[in-house]
C-alpha atoms as a PDB file:
ATOM      1  CA  MET A   1      69.077 115.465  99.126  1.00  0.00           C
ATOM      2  CA  SER A   2      69.238 118.367 102.297  1.00  0.00           C
ATOM      3  CA  LYS A   3      66.750 121.342 101.711  1.00  0.00           C
ATOM      4  CA  ARG A   4      69.652 123.628 103.658  1.00  0.00           C
ATOM      5  CA  ARG A   5      70.944 125.854 101.148  1.00  0.00           C
ATOM      6  CA  THR A   6      75.337 126.118 100.860  1.00  0.00           C
ATOM      7  CA  LEU A   7      77.105 129.550 101.229  1.00  0.00           C
ATOM      8  CA  VAL A   8      78.291 128.972  97.971  1.00  0.00           C
ATOM      9  CA  PRO A   9      75.623 127.934  95.386  1.00  0.00           C
ATOM     10  CA  GLY A  10      76.095 125.015  93.213  1.00  0.00           C
ATOM     11  CA  LYS A  11      78.565 123.513  95.629  1.00  0.00           C
ATOM     12  CA  ARG A  12      75.639 120.962  97.709  1.00  0.00           C
ATOM     13  CA  ASN A  13      77.175 117.805  95.712  1.00  0.00           C
ATOM     14  CA  ALA A  14      80.741 118.699  96.571  1.00  0.00           C
ATOM     15  CA  LEU A  15      80.278 119.102  99.949  1.00  0.00           C
ATOM     16  CA  ASP A  16      78.340 115.603 100.063  1.00  0.00           C
ATOM     17  CA  GLU A  17      81.280 114.369  98.424  1.00  0.00           C
ATOM     18  CA  PHE A  18      83.563 115.515 100.850  1.00  0.00           C
ATOM     19  CA  LYS A  19      81.164 114.580 103.720  1.00  0.00           C
ATOM     20  CA  GLY A  20      81.721 110.602 102.053  1.00  0.00           C
ATOM     21  CA  LYS A  21      85.875 110.986 102.010  1.00  0.00           C
ATOM     22  CA  VAL A  22      86.107 112.137 105.206  1.00  0.00           C
ATOM     23  CA  MET A  23      83.456 109.620 106.929  1.00  0.00           C
ATOM     24  CA  ALA A  24      84.901 106.553 104.526  1.00  0.00           C
ATOM     25  CA  GLN A  25      88.391 107.725 106.327  1.00  0.00           C
ATOM     26  CA  LYS A  26      86.763 106.880 109.680  1.00  0.00           C
ATOM     27  CA  GLY A  27      86.291 103.720 108.800  1.00  0.00           C
ATOM     28  CA  TYR A  28      82.074 104.510 107.915  1.00  0.00           C
ATOM     29  CA  HIS A  29      80.639 102.436 104.900  1.00  0.00           C
ATOM     30  CA  VAL A  30      80.251 105.015 102.278  1.00  0.00           C
ATOM     31  CA  ASN A  31      78.128 104.916  98.929  1.00  0.00           C
ATOM     32  CA  PRO A  32      80.098 106.881  96.554  1.00  0.00           C
ATOM     33  CA  SER A  33      76.749 107.261  94.661  1.00  0.00           C
ATOM     34  CA  GLU A  34      75.252 108.730  97.652  1.00  0.00           C
ATOM     35  CA  PRO A  35      77.331 109.670 100.326  1.00  0.00           C
ATOM     36  CA  ASN A  36      75.234 111.570 102.299  1.00  0.00           C
ATOM     37  CA  GLN A  37      73.406 108.730 103.325  1.00  0.00           C
ATOM     38  CA  VAL A  38      76.265 107.838 106.065  1.00  0.00           C
ATOM     39  CA  LYS A  39      74.065 109.970 108.364  1.00  0.00           C
ATOM     40  CA  TYR A  40      71.931 106.404 108.920  1.00  0.00           C
ATOM     41  CA  GLU A  41      75.077 104.589 109.462  1.00  0.00           C
ATOM     42  CA  VAL A  42      76.308 107.045 112.325  1.00  0.00           C
ATOM     43  CA  ALA A  43      72.593 107.629 113.377  1.00  0.00           C
ATOM     44  CA  LYS A  44      72.419 103.128 113.723  1.00  0.00           C
ATOM     45  CA  GLU A  45      75.660 103.566 115.806  1.00  0.00           C
ATOM     46  CA  GLN A  46      74.422 106.085 118.199  1.00  0.00           C
ATOM     47  CA  GLY A  47      71.148 104.263 118.815  1.00  0.00           C
ATOM     48  CA  ILE A  48      69.005 107.301 116.968  1.00  0.00           C
ATOM     49  CA  PRO A  49      65.883 105.988 115.097  1.00  0.00           C
ATOM     50  CA  LEU A  50      66.677 108.208 112.265  1.00  0.00           C
ATOM     51  CA  LYS A  51      64.653 107.499 108.860  1.00  0.00           C
ATOM     52  CA  LYS A  52      64.080 108.596 105.054  1.00  0.00           C
ATOM     53  CA  GLY A  53      61.820 111.413 105.323  1.00  0.00           C
ATOM     54  CA  TYR A  54      60.688 113.487 108.049  1.00  0.00           C
ATOM     55  CA  ASN A  55      62.410 112.927 111.468  1.00  0.00           C
ATOM     56  CA  GLY A  56      60.484 115.621 113.533  1.00  0.00           C
ATOM     57  CA  HIS A  57      60.393 112.829 116.600  1.00  0.00           C
ATOM     58  CA  LEU A  58      63.743 113.479 117.268  1.00  0.00           C
ATOM     59  CA  THR A  59      65.076 115.411 119.834  1.00  0.00           C
ATOM     60  CA  SER A  60      67.663 117.961 119.202  1.00  0.00           C
ATOM     61  CA  ASP A  61      70.067 115.972 121.635  1.00  0.00           C
ATOM     62  CA  GLN A  62      69.424 113.275 119.168  1.00  0.00           C
ATOM     63  CA  ALA A  63      70.254 114.818 116.121  1.00  0.00           C
ATOM     64  CA  GLY A  64      73.448 116.421 117.367  1.00  0.00           C
ATOM     65  CA  LYS A  65      74.188 112.928 117.930  1.00  0.00           C
ATOM     66  CA  VAL A  66      74.161 112.053 114.458  1.00  0.00           C
ATOM     67  CA  GLY A  67      75.321 115.766 112.461  1.00  0.00           C
ATOM     68  CA  GLY A  68      77.901 116.236 115.016  1.00  0.00           C
ATOM     69  CA  PRO A  69      80.249 113.569 114.415  1.00  0.00           C
ATOM     70  CA  ILE A  70      80.110 114.150 110.998  1.00  0.00           C
ATOM     71  CA  GLY A  71      80.339 118.182 110.914  1.00  0.00           C
ATOM     72  CA  GLY A  72      83.233 117.783 113.634  1.00  0.00           C
ATOM     73  CA  ASN A  73      84.991 114.921 111.413  1.00  0.00           C
ATOM     74  CA  MET A  74      84.287 117.250 108.245  1.00  0.00           C
ATOM     75  CA  VAL A  75      85.891 120.592 110.067  1.00  0.00           C
ATOM     76  CA  LYS A  76      88.777 118.789 111.578  1.00  0.00           C
ATOM     77  CA  GLU A  77      90.088 117.645 108.396  1.00  0.00           C
ATOM     78  CA  MET A  78      89.150 121.214 107.112  1.00  0.00           C
ATOM     79  CA  VAL A  79      91.221 122.476 109.455  1.00  0.00           C
ATOM     80  CA  ARG A  80      94.149 119.827 108.968  1.00  0.00           C
ATOM     81  CA  MET A  81      93.789 120.548 105.002  1.00  0.00           C
ATOM     82  CA  ALA A  82      94.482 124.262 105.784  1.00  0.00           C
ATOM     83  CA  GLN A  83      97.499 123.558 108.333  1.00  0.00           C
ATOM     84  CA  GLU A  84      98.883 121.639 105.204  1.00  0.00           C
ATOM     85  CA  GLN A  85      99.135 124.303 102.813  1.00  0.00           C
ATOM     86  CA  LEU A  86      99.976 126.754 105.299  1.00  0.00           C
ATOM     87  CA  ASN A  87     102.997 124.300 105.746  1.00  0.00           C
ATOM     88  CA  LYS A  88     103.536 124.378 102.234  1.00  0.00           C
ATOM     89  CA  LYS A  89     104.056 128.311 102.100  1.00  0.00           C
ATOM     90  CA  HIS A  90     106.896 128.316 104.580  1.00  0.00           C
END
């Protein structure tokens, strides 16, 4: 589980579930009970030696190659959802 705090307290699980849903739609294998673990699949695909626990050996470039696709896909999906909601109002 991430040590980072969410902007809205208590929503970490919802964000992890959303992450799992988005990444599954992108073709990644996501364990529904541990959706945050998809980062290891992304890391493997990128050739990044991500392991459980401390990863201080990774460069910021390597960490970005893992987190970037995940966060980027989540943002794209949120924008798509917002556009869909706006279209329903018109």
